[in-house]
Amino acid sequence: MILLNKKRGFTPLQAIREYQTTHPEYRGHTLSYAGRLDPMAEGLLLVLVDEENKKQSEFLHFEKEYIVECIFGVSTNSYDMLGRITAISSRVPSESDIENILPRYRGVIHQQYPPYSAVRVQGKPLLHWARKNMHHDLEIPTVERTISLFEKENVYEKKTVDIVNEFREALTHLEGTFPKEESLHDWESYEQDYSQVIVYRFRVVCSSGTYIRSLIHDIGRDIGAGATVVRLTRTRVGGYTL
């Protein structure tokens, strides 16, 4: 098994293909991943080689650990920067607002799948319906997840132009049918109105299948300000660490 540090802006399949290019000894071998990462997420990706692919299901239930950075006051339809901005709020939650709401999201929670996800609804991935803006009429499944740790690590100010430039760089790598130009345009417009933003960094330990961007979106919704993930790093899968 290969422990791969997936770059931001790469799909898991892109990351595997790049690895085979830079490591020619793996060309011609069958490689797959156990536990996907969103294109805008980075960090630990377990890559299985040849016969190990048959054991994929053994890795899918491992506990995961993430570092997630988010901003409040802006929402997107994908819950991260790759989506279109859907709302901007003038409400700025305080640190105490954030601290007070975190306990709601510790322990066993019920999480609805985000619109842009691969779970199948009525025979097609949910993202298929989201791209057609038809997901509002669907009954989206809710699943039980366990959040064993959810803590604030840091709060800091960052220039919005830096966040947008990092996003722009990630988009140069991304392949596939994503609204790259439209999303970038939205964030460039946002940058013109907000020169600096407050970034919250959290550490999350959770059961397999937890959507961190949904977690952040739900907190933003409950606070009444909206929230969007601007950086997400997976640091651990079971006993394997970044």
C-alpha atoms as a PDB file:
ATOM      1  CA  MET A   1       0.000   0.000   0.000  1.00  0.00           C
ATOM      2  CA  ILE A   2       1.125   3.536  -0.807  1.00  0.00           C
ATOM      3  CA  LEU A   3       0.485   6.407   1.603  1.00  0.00           C
ATOM      4  CA  LEU A   4      -0.001   9.321  -0.780  1.00  0.00           C
ATOM      5  CA  ASN A   5      -0.177  13.004   0.160  1.00  0.00           C
ATOM      6  CA  LYS A   6      -2.818  14.120  -2.342  1.00  0.00           C
ATOM      7  CA  LYS A   7      -2.445  17.691  -3.537  1.00  0.00           C
ATOM      8  CA  ARG A   8      -5.230  20.209  -3.502  1.00  0.00           C
ATOM      9  CA  GLY A   9      -6.916  20.509  -6.893  1.00  0.00           C
ATOM     10  CA  PHE A  10      -6.408  16.865  -7.847  1.00  0.00           C
ATOM     11  CA  THR A  11      -9.092  14.211  -7.918  1.00  0.00           C
ATOM     12  CA  PRO A  12      -7.939  10.914  -6.386  1.00  0.00           C
ATOM     13  CA  LEU A  13      -7.659   9.379  -9.869  1.00  0.00           C
ATOM     14  CA  GLN A  14      -5.546  12.314 -11.047  1.00  0.00           C
ATOM     15  CA  ALA A  15      -3.300  11.887  -8.023  1.00  0.00           C
ATOM     16  CA  ILE A  16      -2.819   8.185  -8.752  1.00  0.00           C
ATOM     17  CA  ARG A  17      -2.097   8.866 -12.412  1.00  0.00           C
ATOM     18  CA  GLU A  18       0.508  11.490 -11.501  1.00  0.00           C
ATOM     19  CA  TYR A  19       2.109   9.083  -9.023  1.00  0.00           C
ATOM     20  CA  GLN A  20       2.441   6.414 -11.710  1.00  0.00           C
ATOM     21  CA  THR A  21       4.035   9.009 -13.998  1.00  0.00           C
ATOM     22  CA  THR A  22       6.673   9.973 -11.432  1.00  0.00           C
ATOM     23  CA  HIS A  23       7.132   6.371 -10.238  1.00  0.00           C
ATOM     24  CA  PRO A  24       7.409   4.328 -13.450  1.00  0.00           C
ATOM     25  CA  GLU A  25       7.856   1.122 -11.466  1.00  0.00           C
ATOM     26  CA  TYR A  26       4.091   1.276 -10.789  1.00  0.00           C
ATOM     27  CA  ARG A  27       3.084   1.641 -14.430  1.00  0.00           C
ATOM     28  CA  GLY A  28       1.128  -1.385 -15.546  1.00  0.00           C
ATOM     29  CA  HIS A  29       0.024  -2.147 -11.981  1.00  0.00           C
ATOM     30  CA  THR A  30      -3.569  -1.788 -10.811  1.00  0.00           C
ATOM     31  CA  LEU A  31      -3.881   1.061  -8.319  1.00  0.00           C
ATOM     32  CA  SER A  32      -7.031   2.249  -6.552  1.00  0.00           C
ATOM     33  CA  TYR A  33      -7.805   4.315  -3.478  1.00  0.00           C
ATOM     34  CA  ALA A  34      -9.539   3.418  -0.226  1.00  0.00           C
ATOM     35  CA  GLY A  35     -11.586   6.395   0.941  1.00  0.00           C
ATOM     36  CA  ARG A  36     -11.917   9.245  -1.533  1.00  0.00           C
ATOM     37  CA  LEU A  37     -10.937  12.870  -0.983  1.00  0.00           C
ATOM     38  CA  ASP A  38     -12.756  15.820  -2.555  1.00  0.00           C
ATOM     39  CA  PRO A  39     -10.807  17.677  -5.265  1.00  0.00           C
ATOM     40  CA  MET A  40     -10.333  20.698  -2.980  1.00  0.00           C
ATOM     41  CA  ALA A  41      -9.207  18.505  -0.074  1.00  0.00           C
ATOM     42  CA  GLU A  42      -5.627  17.395   0.411  1.00  0.00           C
ATOM     43  CA  GLY A  43      -3.733  14.980   2.587  1.00  0.00           C
ATOM     44  CA  LEU A  44      -3.593  11.267   3.228  1.00  0.00           C
ATOM     45  CA  LEU A  45      -4.897   8.977   0.490  1.00  0.00           C
ATOM     46  CA  LEU A  46      -4.489   5.219   0.888  1.00  0.00           C
ATOM     47  CA  VAL A  47      -3.540   3.747  -2.485  1.00  0.00           C
ATOM     48  CA  LEU A  48      -3.910  -0.001  -2.906  1.00  0.00           C
ATOM     49  CA  VAL A  49      -1.714  -1.969  -5.304  1.00  0.00           C
ATOM     50  CA  ASP A  50      -2.699  -5.060  -7.323  1.00  0.00           C
ATOM     51  CA  GLU A  51      -3.978  -7.800  -4.962  1.00  0.00           C
ATOM     52  CA  GLU A  52      -4.535  -5.271  -2.174  1.00  0.00           C
ATOM     53  CA  ASN A  53      -7.444  -3.890  -4.203  1.00  0.00           C
ATOM     54  CA  LYS A  54      -9.465  -6.922  -3.126  1.00  0.00           C
ATOM     55  CA  LYS A  55      -9.192  -5.727   0.495  1.00  0.00           C
ATOM     56  CA  GLN A  56     -10.556  -2.238  -0.204  1.00  0.00           C
ATOM     57  CA  SER A  57     -13.605  -2.711   2.022  1.00  0.00           C
ATOM     58  CA  GLU A  58     -11.351  -3.409   5.024  1.00  0.00           C
ATOM     59  CA  PHE A  59     -10.042   0.168   4.923  1.00  0.00           C
ATOM     60  CA  LEU A  60     -13.318   2.004   4.328  1.00  0.00           C
ATOM     61  CA  HIS A  61     -14.516   1.912   7.946  1.00  0.00           C
ATOM     62  CA  PHE A  62     -11.397   3.371   9.568  1.00  0.00           C
ATOM     63  CA  GLU A  63     -11.675   6.459  11.755  1.00  0.00           C
ATOM     64  CA  LYS A  64     -10.498   9.670  10.051  1.00  0.00           C
ATOM     65  CA  GLU A  65      -8.821  12.839  11.313  1.00  0.00           C
ATOM     66  CA  TYR A  66      -8.896  16.223   9.570  1.00  0.00           C
ATOM     67  CA  ILE A  67      -7.713  19.795   9.901  1.00  0.00           C
ATOM     68  CA  VAL A  68     -10.347  22.074   8.417  1.00  0.00           C
ATOM     69  CA  GLU A  69     -10.220  25.827   7.859  1.00  0.00           C
ATOM     70  CA  CYS A  70     -13.379  27.783   7.170  1.00  0.00           C
ATOM     71  CA  ILE A  71     -14.796  31.271   6.955  1.00  0.00           C
ATOM     72  CA  PHE A  72     -18.198  32.432   8.190  1.00  0.00           C
ATOM     73  CA  GLY A  73     -20.570  34.806   6.428  1.00  0.00           C
ATOM     74  CA  VAL A  74     -20.505  33.153   3.004  1.00  0.00           C
ATOM     75  CA  SER A  75     -22.192  29.997   1.671  1.00  0.00           C
ATOM     76  CA  THR A  76     -21.738  27.956  -1.508  1.00  0.00           C
ATOM     77  CA  ASN A  77     -23.804  25.197  -3.077  1.00  0.00           C
ATOM     78  CA  SER A  78     -20.979  22.645  -2.602  1.00  0.00           C
ATOM     79  CA  TYR A  79     -20.068  23.842   0.923  1.00  0.00           C
ATOM     80  CA  ASP A  80     -16.480  24.495  -0.204  1.00  0.00           C
ATOM     81  CA  MET A  81     -14.802  26.965  -2.579  1.00  0.00           C
ATOM     82  CA  LEU A  82     -15.440  24.843  -5.661  1.00  0.00           C
ATOM     83  CA  GLY A  83     -19.139  25.660  -5.565  1.00  0.00           C
ATOM     84  CA  ARG A  84     -21.013  28.798  -6.580  1.00  0.00           C
ATOM     85  CA  ILE A  85     -21.564  31.390  -3.871  1.00  0.00           C
ATOM     86  CA  THR A  86     -25.237  31.300  -2.876  1.00  0.00           C
ATOM     87  CA  ALA A  87     -25.404  33.740   0.049  1.00  0.00           C
ATOM     88  CA  ILE A  88     -23.347  36.368   1.852  1.00  0.00           C
ATOM     89  CA  SER A  89     -24.252  37.473   5.360  1.00  0.00           C
ATOM     90  CA  SER A  90     -23.320  40.579   7.288  1.00  0.00           C
ATOM     91  CA  ARG A  91     -23.530  38.613  10.534  1.00  0.00           C
ATOM     92  CA  VAL A  92     -20.112  37.974  12.062  1.00  0.00           C
ATOM     93  CA  PRO A  93     -20.263  35.271  14.749  1.00  0.00           C
ATOM     94  CA  SER A  94     -18.025  35.737  17.773  1.00  0.00           C
ATOM     95  CA  GLU A  95     -15.584  33.134  19.029  1.00  0.00           C
ATOM     96  CA  SER A  96     -17.960  32.429  21.898  1.00  0.00           C
ATOM     97  CA  ASP A  97     -20.785  31.826  19.374  1.00  0.00           C
ATOM     98  CA  ILE A  98     -18.617  29.196  17.735  1.00  0.00           C
ATOM     99  CA  GLU A  99     -17.506  27.593  20.992  1.00  0.00           C
ATOM    100  CA  ASN A 100     -21.081  27.386  22.234  1.00  0.00           C
ATOM    101  CA  ILE A 101     -22.327  25.556  19.160  1.00  0.00           C
ATOM    102  CA  LEU A 102     -19.545  22.976  18.842  1.00  0.00           C
ATOM    103  CA  PRO A 103     -20.968  20.625  21.524  1.00  0.00           C
ATOM    104  CA  ARG A 104     -24.027  20.044  19.301  1.00  0.00           C
ATOM    105  CA  TYR A 105     -21.734  18.426  16.782  1.00  0.00           C
ATOM    106  CA  ARG A 106     -19.830  16.116  19.083  1.00  0.00           C
ATOM    107  CA  GLY A 107     -20.855  12.520  19.662  1.00  0.00           C
ATOM    108  CA  VAL A 108     -23.435  10.823  17.455  1.00  0.00           C
ATOM    109  CA  ILE A 109     -24.961  13.150  14.867  1.00  0.00           C
ATOM    110  CA  HIS A 110     -27.319  12.753  11.918  1.00  0.00           C
ATOM    111  CA  GLN A 111     -25.849  14.175   8.756  1.00  0.00           C
ATOM    112  CA  GLN A 112     -27.532  14.785   5.432  1.00  0.00           C
ATOM    113  CA  TYR A 113     -25.413  14.134   2.354  1.00  0.00           C
ATOM    114  CA  PRO A 114     -24.233  17.358   0.656  1.00  0.00           C
ATOM    115  CA  PRO A 115     -25.780  18.113  -2.768  1.00  0.00           C
ATOM    116  CA  TYR A 116     -22.421  17.638  -4.480  1.00  0.00           C
ATOM    117  CA  SER A 117     -21.660  14.072  -3.417  1.00  0.00           C
ATOM    118  CA  ALA A 118     -21.504  10.664  -5.063  1.00  0.00           C
ATOM    119  CA  VAL A 119     -24.274   8.982  -3.053  1.00  0.00           C
ATOM    120  CA  ARG A 120     -26.920   7.633  -5.406  1.00  0.00           C
ATOM    121  CA  VAL A 121     -30.469   8.983  -5.221  1.00  0.00           C
ATOM    122  CA  GLN A 122     -33.115   7.726  -7.667  1.00  0.00           C
ATOM    123  CA  GLY A 123     -30.438   5.791  -9.529  1.00  0.00           C
ATOM    124  CA  LYS A 124     -27.981   8.646 -10.098  1.00  0.00           C
ATOM    125  CA  PRO A 125     -25.259  10.354  -8.027  1.00  0.00           C
ATOM    126  CA  LEU A 126     -26.661  13.264  -6.047  1.00  0.00           C
ATOM    127  CA  LEU A 127     -24.243  15.629  -7.787  1.00  0.00           C
ATOM    128  CA  HIS A 128     -26.010  14.783 -11.080  1.00  0.00           C
ATOM    129  CA  TRP A 129     -29.221  16.290  -9.706  1.00  0.00           C
ATOM    130  CA  ALA A 130     -27.375  19.198  -8.071  1.00  0.00           C
ATOM    131  CA  ARG A 131     -25.780  20.226 -11.365  1.00  0.00           C
ATOM    132  CA  LYS A 132     -29.269  20.398 -12.874  1.00  0.00           C
ATOM    133  CA  ASN A 133     -30.516  22.271  -9.775  1.00  0.00           C
ATOM    134  CA  MET A 134     -33.068  19.492  -9.241  1.00  0.00           C
ATOM    135  CA  HIS A 135     -31.866  18.244  -5.840  1.00  0.00           C
ATOM    136  CA  HIS A 136     -34.322  20.442  -3.925  1.00  0.00           C
ATOM    137  CA  ASP A 137     -37.189  18.137  -4.899  1.00  0.00           C
ATOM    138  CA  LEU A 138     -35.418  14.954  -3.759  1.00  0.00           C
ATOM    139  CA  GLU A 139     -35.524  13.173  -0.438  1.00  0.00           C
ATOM    140  CA  ILE A 140     -31.824  13.271   0.425  1.00  0.00           C
ATOM    141  CA  PRO A 141     -30.693  10.472   2.747  1.00  0.00           C
ATOM    142  CA  THR A 142     -29.543  11.190   6.299  1.00  0.00           C
ATOM    143  CA  VAL A 143     -26.887   9.024   7.937  1.00  0.00           C
ATOM    144  CA  GLU A 144     -25.603   8.563  11.475  1.00  0.00           C
ATOM    145  CA  ARG A 145     -21.997   9.562  12.094  1.00  0.00           C
ATOM    146  CA  THR A 146     -19.805   9.827  15.195  1.00  0.00           C
ATOM    147  CA  ILE A 147     -17.682  12.911  15.912  1.00  0.00           C
ATOM    148  CA  SER A 148     -15.305  11.851  18.667  1.00  0.00           C
ATOM    149  CA  LEU A 149     -13.320  15.114  18.675  1.00  0.00           C
ATOM    150  CA  PHE A 150     -14.173  18.574  17.371  1.00  0.00           C
ATOM    151  CA  GLU A 151     -12.018  21.385  18.698  1.00  0.00           C
ATOM    152  CA  LYS A 152     -10.934  24.871  17.656  1.00  0.00           C
ATOM    153  CA  GLU A 153      -7.201  25.027  17.008  1.00  0.00           C
ATOM    154  CA  ASN A 154      -6.748  28.610  15.873  1.00  0.00           C
ATOM    155  CA  VAL A 155      -8.441  31.794  14.718  1.00  0.00           C
ATOM    156  CA  TYR A 156      -6.589  34.252  12.507  1.00  0.00           C
ATOM    157  CA  GLU A 157      -7.060  36.957   9.893  1.00  0.00           C
ATOM    158  CA  LYS A 158      -6.042  36.342   6.304  1.00  0.00           C
ATOM    159  CA  LYS A 159      -6.098  38.486   3.183  1.00  0.00           C
ATOM    160  CA  THR A 160      -8.925  37.376   0.936  1.00  0.00           C
ATOM    161  CA  VAL A 161      -6.702  37.824  -2.113  1.00  0.00           C
ATOM    162  CA  ASP A 162      -4.370  35.151  -0.726  1.00  0.00           C
ATOM    163  CA  ILE A 163      -7.247  32.703  -0.251  1.00  0.00           C
ATOM    164  CA  VAL A 164      -8.466  33.362  -3.797  1.00  0.00           C
ATOM    165  CA  ASN A 165      -4.958  33.037  -5.268  1.00  0.00           C
ATOM    166  CA  GLU A 166      -4.473  29.668  -3.542  1.00  0.00           C
ATOM    167  CA  PHE A 167      -7.825  28.542  -4.938  1.00  0.00           C
ATOM    168  CA  ARG A 168      -6.881  29.775  -8.412  1.00  0.00           C
ATOM    169  CA  GLU A 169      -3.638  27.773  -8.261  1.00  0.00           C
ATOM    170  CA  ALA A 170      -5.510  24.615  -7.245  1.00  0.00           C
ATOM    171  CA  LEU A 171      -7.902  25.037 -10.178  1.00  0.00           C
ATOM    172  CA  THR A 172      -5.014  24.940 -12.672  1.00  0.00           C
ATOM    173  CA  HIS A 173      -4.615  21.230 -11.874  1.00  0.00           C
ATOM    174  CA  LEU A 174      -8.261  20.193 -11.685  1.00  0.00           C
ATOM    175  CA  GLU A 175      -9.728  18.046 -14.443  1.00  0.00           C
ATOM    176  CA  GLY A 176     -13.390  17.209 -14.920  1.00  0.00           C
ATOM    177  CA  THR A 177     -16.766  18.895 -15.246  1.00  0.00           C
ATOM    178  CA  PHE A 178     -16.535  21.370 -12.402  1.00  0.00           C
ATOM    179  CA  PRO A 179     -17.757  25.011 -12.546  1.00  0.00           C
ATOM    180  CA  LYS A 180     -14.189  26.301 -12.266  1.00  0.00           C
ATOM    181  CA  GLU A 181     -14.532  29.591 -14.132  1.00  0.00           C
ATOM    182  CA  GLU A 182     -17.877  30.440 -12.542  1.00  0.00           C
ATOM    183  CA  SER A 183     -16.690  29.664  -9.010  1.00  0.00           C
ATOM    184  CA  LEU A 184     -13.480  31.634  -9.481  1.00  0.00           C
ATOM    185  CA  HIS A 185     -15.479  34.601 -10.768  1.00  0.00           C
ATOM    186  CA  ASP A 186     -17.697  34.463  -7.658  1.00  0.00           C
ATOM    187  CA  TRP A 187     -14.676  34.461  -5.344  1.00  0.00           C
ATOM    188  CA  GLU A 188     -12.960  37.257  -7.245  1.00  0.00           C
ATOM    189  CA  SER A 189     -16.113  39.359  -6.779  1.00  0.00           C
ATOM    190  CA  TYR A 190     -16.175  38.437  -3.085  1.00  0.00           C
ATOM    191  CA  GLU A 191     -12.535  39.505  -2.798  1.00  0.00           C
ATOM    192  CA  GLN A 192     -13.396  42.973  -4.102  1.00  0.00           C
ATOM    193  CA  ASP A 193     -15.839  43.491  -1.234  1.00  0.00           C
ATOM    194  CA  TYR A 194     -13.924  41.775   1.590  1.00  0.00           C
ATOM    195  CA  SER A 195     -10.197  42.471   1.750  1.00  0.00           C
ATOM    196  CA  GLN A 196      -9.643  40.391   4.904  1.00  0.00           C
ATOM    197  CA  VAL A 197     -11.535  37.551   6.531  1.00  0.00           C
ATOM    198  CA  ILE A 198     -11.359  35.678   9.818  1.00  0.00           C
ATOM    199  CA  VAL A 199     -10.384  32.040   9.354  1.00  0.00           C
ATOM    200  CA  TYR A 200     -11.257  29.364  11.905  1.00  0.00           C
ATOM    201  CA  ARG A 201      -9.152  26.214  12.055  1.00  0.00           C
ATOM    202  CA  PHE A 202     -10.636  23.078  13.636  1.00  0.00           C
ATOM    203  CA  ARG A 203      -9.392  19.562  14.258  1.00  0.00           C
ATOM    204  CA  VAL A 204     -11.971  16.823  13.734  1.00  0.00           C
ATOM    205  CA  VAL A 205     -11.815  13.105  14.484  1.00  0.00           C
ATOM    206  CA  CYS A 206     -14.790  11.263  13.053  1.00  0.00           C
ATOM    207  CA  SER A 207     -16.196   7.988  11.825  1.00  0.00           C
ATOM    208  CA  SER A 208     -15.764   6.972   8.211  1.00  0.00           C
ATOM    209  CA  GLY A 209     -18.122   8.599   5.731  1.00  0.00           C
ATOM    210  CA  THR A 210     -18.407  11.919   7.573  1.00  0.00           C
ATOM    211  CA  TYR A 211     -18.559  14.918   5.260  1.00  0.00           C
ATOM    212  CA  ILE A 212     -16.509  17.673   6.886  1.00  0.00           C
ATOM    213  CA  ARG A 213     -17.811  20.334   4.525  1.00  0.00           C
ATOM    214  CA  SER A 214     -21.357  19.394   5.546  1.00  0.00           C
ATOM    215  CA  LEU A 215     -20.342  19.692   9.188  1.00  0.00           C
ATOM    216  CA  ILE A 216     -19.073  23.237   8.617  1.00  0.00           C
ATOM    217  CA  HIS A 217     -22.091  24.149   6.485  1.00  0.00           C
ATOM    218  CA  ASP A 218     -24.494  22.986   9.201  1.00  0.00           C
ATOM    219  CA  ILE A 219     -22.691  25.024  11.867  1.00  0.00           C
ATOM    220  CA  GLY A 220     -22.855  28.118   9.674  1.00  0.00           C
ATOM    221  CA  ARG A 221     -26.554  27.525   9.052  1.00  0.00           C
ATOM    222  CA  ASP A 222     -27.309  27.094  12.762  1.00  0.00           C
ATOM    223  CA  ILE A 223     -25.409  30.249  13.676  1.00  0.00           C
ATOM    224  CA  GLY A 224     -27.279  32.135  10.966  1.00  0.00           C
ATOM    225  CA  ALA A 225     -24.215  33.379   9.120  1.00  0.00           C
ATOM    226  CA  GLY A 226     -23.352  30.635   6.659  1.00  0.00           C
ATOM    227  CA  ALA A 227     -19.918  29.006   6.417  1.00  0.00           C
ATOM    228  CA  THR A 228     -17.621  27.633   3.744  1.00  0.00           C
ATOM    229  CA  VAL A 229     -14.589  25.347   3.882  1.00  0.00           C
ATOM    230  CA  VAL A 230     -11.529  27.065   2.411  1.00  0.00           C
ATOM    231  CA  ARG A 231      -8.948  24.387   3.269  1.00  0.00           C
ATOM    232  CA  LEU A 232      -9.297  20.730   4.254  1.00  0.00           C
ATOM    233  CA  THR A 233      -6.479  18.303   5.069  1.00  0.00           C
ATOM    234  CA  ARG A 234      -6.864  14.660   6.035  1.00  0.00           C
ATOM    235  CA  THR A 235      -4.126  13.813   8.516  1.00  0.00           C
ATOM    236  CA  ARG A 236      -5.019  10.273   9.561  1.00  0.00           C
ATOM    237  CA  VAL A 237      -6.879   7.169   8.376  1.00  0.00           C
ATOM    238  CA  GLY A 238      -7.065   4.546  11.110  1.00  0.00           C
ATOM    239  CA  GLY A 239      -3.466   3.933  12.192  1.00  0.00           C
ATOM    240  CA  TYR A 240      -1.950   5.524   9.080  1.00  0.00           C
ATOM    241  CA  THR A 241      -0.865   9.152   9.404  1.00  0.00           C
ATOM    242  CA  LEU A 242       0.125  11.881   6.995  1.00  0.00           C
END
